[in-house]
C-alpha atoms as a PDB file:
ATOM      1  CA  MET A   1      42.331   3.249  -7.985  1.00  0.00           C
ATOM      2  CA  SER A   2      38.782   3.940  -6.846  1.00  0.00           C
ATOM      3  CA  ASN A   3      36.086   1.309  -6.597  1.00  0.00           C
ATOM      4  CA  ARG A   4      33.319   2.259  -9.025  1.00  0.00           C
ATOM      5  CA  SER A   5      31.240  -0.899  -8.699  1.00  0.00           C
ATOM      6  CA  HIS A   6      28.242   1.056  -7.452  1.00  0.00           C
ATOM      7  CA  ARG A   7      26.084   2.795 -10.005  1.00  0.00           C
ATOM      8  CA  ALA A   8      23.928   5.810  -9.316  1.00  0.00           C
ATOM      9  CA  ALA A   9      20.481   5.071  -7.965  1.00  0.00           C
ATOM     10  CA  PRO A  10      17.760   5.502 -10.576  1.00  0.00           C
ATOM     11  CA  GLU A  11      15.675   8.667 -10.520  1.00  0.00           C
ATOM     12  CA  HIS A  12      11.925   8.226 -10.164  1.00  0.00           C
ATOM     13  CA  THR A  13       8.978  10.403 -11.081  1.00  0.00           C
ATOM     14  CA  HIS A  14       5.913  10.129  -8.877  1.00  0.00           C
ATOM     15  CA  PRO A  15       2.741   9.397 -10.856  1.00  0.00           C
ATOM     16  CA  ASP A  16       1.159  12.581  -9.451  1.00  0.00           C
ATOM     17  CA  ASP A  17       3.716  14.557 -11.474  1.00  0.00           C
ATOM     18  CA  VAL A  18       3.043  12.755 -14.768  1.00  0.00           C
ATOM     19  CA  PRO A  19       0.857  14.217 -17.536  1.00  0.00           C
ATOM     20  CA  VAL A  20      -1.571  11.759 -19.113  1.00  0.00           C
ATOM     21  CA  GLN A  21       0.230  12.128 -22.462  1.00  0.00           C
ATOM     22  CA  THR A  22       3.464  10.888 -20.889  1.00  0.00           C
ATOM     23  CA  ALA A  23       1.711   7.886 -19.350  1.00  0.00           C
ATOM     24  CA  LEU A  24      -0.008   6.997 -22.622  1.00  0.00           C
ATOM     25  CA  ALA A  25       3.209   7.392 -24.617  1.00  0.00           C
ATOM     26  CA  ALA A  26       5.049   5.078 -22.209  1.00  0.00           C
ATOM     27  CA  LEU A  27       2.351   2.425 -22.535  1.00  0.00           C
ATOM     28  CA  ALA A  28       2.107   2.771 -26.321  1.00  0.00           C
ATOM     29  CA  ASP A  29       5.443   1.070 -26.983  1.00  0.00           C
ATOM     30  CA  PRO A  30       5.114  -2.733 -27.321  1.00  0.00           C
ATOM     31  CA  VAL A  31       8.303  -3.493 -25.375  1.00  0.00           C
ATOM     32  CA  ARG A  32       7.350  -1.214 -22.477  1.00  0.00           C
ATOM     33  CA  LEU A  33       3.833  -2.623 -22.486  1.00  0.00           C
ATOM     34  CA  GLN A  34       5.275  -6.126 -22.230  1.00  0.00           C
ATOM     35  CA  LEU A  35       7.470  -5.053 -19.294  1.00  0.00           C
ATOM     36  CA  VAL A  36       4.465  -3.572 -17.472  1.00  0.00           C
ATOM     37  CA  ARG A  37       2.336  -6.635 -18.147  1.00  0.00           C
ATOM     38  CA  GLU A  38       5.023  -8.968 -16.841  1.00  0.00           C
ATOM     39  CA  LEU A  39       5.550  -6.823 -13.737  1.00  0.00           C
ATOM     40  CA  ALA A  40       1.794  -6.865 -13.082  1.00  0.00           C
ATOM     41  CA  THR A  41       1.990 -10.638 -12.588  1.00  0.00           C
ATOM     42  CA  THR A  42       5.067 -10.547 -10.353  1.00  0.00           C
ATOM     43  CA  ALA A  43       5.528  -9.740  -6.672  1.00  0.00           C
ATOM     44  CA  ASP A  44       7.185  -6.406  -5.884  1.00  0.00           C
ATOM     45  CA  TRP A  45      10.983  -6.410  -6.072  1.00  0.00           C
ATOM     46  CA  GLU A  46      11.081  -9.954  -7.441  1.00  0.00           C
ATOM     47  CA  ARG A  47      12.024  -9.291 -11.090  1.00  0.00           C
ATOM     48  CA  THR A  48      15.499  -8.194 -12.034  1.00  0.00           C
ATOM     49  CA  CYS A  49      16.070  -6.268 -15.241  1.00  0.00           C
ATOM     50  CA  GLY A  50      17.802  -9.174 -16.935  1.00  0.00           C
ATOM     51  CA  THR A  51      14.882 -11.587 -16.490  1.00  0.00           C
ATOM     52  CA  PHE A  52      12.564 -10.050 -19.089  1.00  0.00           C
ATOM     53  CA  ASP A  53      12.378 -11.804 -22.450  1.00  0.00           C
ATOM     54  CA  VAL A  54      12.173  -8.823 -24.789  1.00  0.00           C
ATOM     55  CA  PRO A  55      13.581  -8.420 -28.306  1.00  0.00           C
ATOM     56  CA  VAL A  56      15.981  -5.579 -27.487  1.00  0.00           C
ATOM     57  CA  GLY A  57      19.572  -5.241 -26.300  1.00  0.00           C
ATOM     58  CA  LYS A  58      20.723  -4.070 -22.885  1.00  0.00           C
ATOM     59  CA  ALA A  59      21.032  -0.397 -23.861  1.00  0.00           C
ATOM     60  CA  ALA A  60      17.536  -0.293 -25.365  1.00  0.00           C
ATOM     61  CA  LEU A  61      16.118  -2.151 -22.372  1.00  0.00           C
ATOM     62  CA  SER A  62      17.736   0.380 -20.044  1.00  0.00           C
ATOM     63  CA  HIS A  63      16.093   3.161 -22.064  1.00  0.00           C
ATOM     64  CA  HIS A  64      12.669   1.478 -21.801  1.00  0.00           C
ATOM     65  CA  PHE A  65      13.035   1.185 -18.028  1.00  0.00           C
ATOM     66  CA  SER A  66      14.009   4.860 -17.883  1.00  0.00           C
ATOM     67  CA  VAL A  67      10.872   5.852 -19.813  1.00  0.00           C
ATOM     68  CA  LEU A  68       8.710   3.753 -17.476  1.00  0.00           C
ATOM     69  CA  ARG A  69      10.310   5.398 -14.424  1.00  0.00           C
ATOM     70  CA  ALA A  70       9.775   8.866 -15.908  1.00  0.00           C
ATOM     71  CA  ALA A  71       6.116   7.997 -16.510  1.00  0.00           C
ATOM     72  CA  GLY A  72       5.682   6.966 -12.876  1.00  0.00           C
ATOM     73  CA  LEU A  73       4.912   3.376 -13.806  1.00  0.00           C
ATOM     74  CA  ILE A  74       7.803   1.570 -12.172  1.00  0.00           C
ATOM     75  CA  GLU A  75      10.211   1.935  -9.321  1.00  0.00           C
ATOM     76  CA  GLN A  76      13.644   0.344  -9.299  1.00  0.00           C
ATOM     77  CA  ARG A  77      16.256  -0.275  -6.645  1.00  0.00           C
ATOM     78  CA  ASP A  78      19.588  -1.978  -6.490  1.00  0.00           C
ATOM     79  CA  MET A  79      19.944  -5.171  -4.496  1.00  0.00           C
ATOM     80  CA  GLY A  80      23.594  -6.091  -4.595  1.00  0.00           C
ATOM     81  CA  PRO A  81      24.707  -6.285  -8.225  1.00  0.00           C
ATOM     82  CA  LYS A  82      21.143  -6.561  -9.557  1.00  0.00           C
ATOM     83  CA  ARG A  83      18.453  -3.959 -10.151  1.00  0.00           C
ATOM     84  CA  VAL A  84      14.962  -5.055  -9.134  1.00  0.00           C
ATOM     85  CA  ASN A  85      11.637  -3.623 -10.226  1.00  0.00           C
ATOM     86  CA  ARG A  86       8.202  -2.838  -8.868  1.00  0.00           C
ATOM     87  CA  LEU A  87       5.115  -1.778 -10.766  1.00  0.00           C
ATOM     88  CA  ARG A  88       3.807   1.318  -8.985  1.00  0.00           C
ATOM     89  CA  ARG A  89       0.258   0.132  -9.432  1.00  0.00           C
ATOM     90  CA  PRO A  90      -1.393   1.661  -6.332  1.00  0.00           C
ATOM     91  CA  GLU A  91       0.132   5.092  -6.964  1.00  0.00           C
ATOM     92  CA  PHE A  92      -0.483   4.936 -10.726  1.00  0.00           C
ATOM     93  CA  ASP A  93      -4.072   3.732 -10.238  1.00  0.00           C
ATOM     94  CA  GLN A  94      -4.730   6.650  -7.916  1.00  0.00           C
ATOM     95  CA  ARG A  95      -3.434   9.112 -10.535  1.00  0.00           C
ATOM     96  CA  PHE A  96      -4.995   7.403 -13.591  1.00  0.00           C
ATOM     97  CA  PRO A  97      -7.890   5.230 -12.340  1.00  0.00           C
ATOM     98  CA  GLY A  98      -8.618   2.310 -14.619  1.00  0.00           C
ATOM     99  CA  LEU A  99      -5.790   2.878 -17.108  1.00  0.00           C
ATOM    100  CA  LEU A 100      -3.676  -0.097 -16.058  1.00  0.00           C
ATOM    101  CA  ASP A 101      -6.798  -2.243 -15.717  1.00  0.00           C
ATOM    102  CA  LEU A 102      -7.656  -1.403 -19.320  1.00  0.00           C
ATOM    103  CA  VAL A 103      -4.136  -2.191 -20.541  1.00  0.00           C
ATOM    104  CA  LEU A 104      -3.974  -5.482 -18.657  1.00  0.00           C
ATOM    105  CA  ARG A 105      -7.532  -6.497 -19.556  1.00  0.00           C
ATOM    106  CA  ASP A 106      -6.807  -5.823 -23.239  1.00  0.00           C
ATOM    107  CA  ARG A 107      -4.077  -8.453 -23.182  1.00  0.00           C
ATOM    108  CA  ARG A 108      -6.300 -11.042 -21.522  1.00  0.00           C
ATOM    109  CA  GLU A 109      -9.065 -10.381 -24.037  1.00  0.00           C
ATOM    110  CA  ASN A 110      -6.649 -10.535 -26.969  1.00  0.00           C
ATOM    111  CA  GLY A 111      -5.089 -13.705 -25.617  1.00  0.00           C
ATOM    112  CA  GLU A 112      -8.490 -15.355 -25.304  1.00  0.00           C
ATOM    113  CA  ASN A 113      -9.453 -14.300 -28.818  1.00  0.00           C
ATOM    114  CA  GLU A 114      -6.241 -15.690 -30.329  1.00  0.00           C
ATOM    115  CA  ARG A 115      -6.904 -19.216 -29.068  1.00  0.00           C
END
């Protein structure tokens, strides 16, 4: 019996290879936007996939992470049994200057207006 405890490493797309439409589509989904916003406030490689409070199941969450990887927004790696995440902010900002700032600023402005 073979030991299949290790899963395949996730595939990543570099932001330089991402069309703007792909980046915008990834950020247009509310769940993915929440993931990006939470990662923006967290140190690299600190958040595991299971620590996000989003209203979707594990399979849907896995899909959202896959879309974010394909859009060049996040990088993931396995650390033991857990998968940790990093927002690829420097690389993404170089490819799409100001886009993440706009997305993150929009939340702060909306949060201030809701109070």
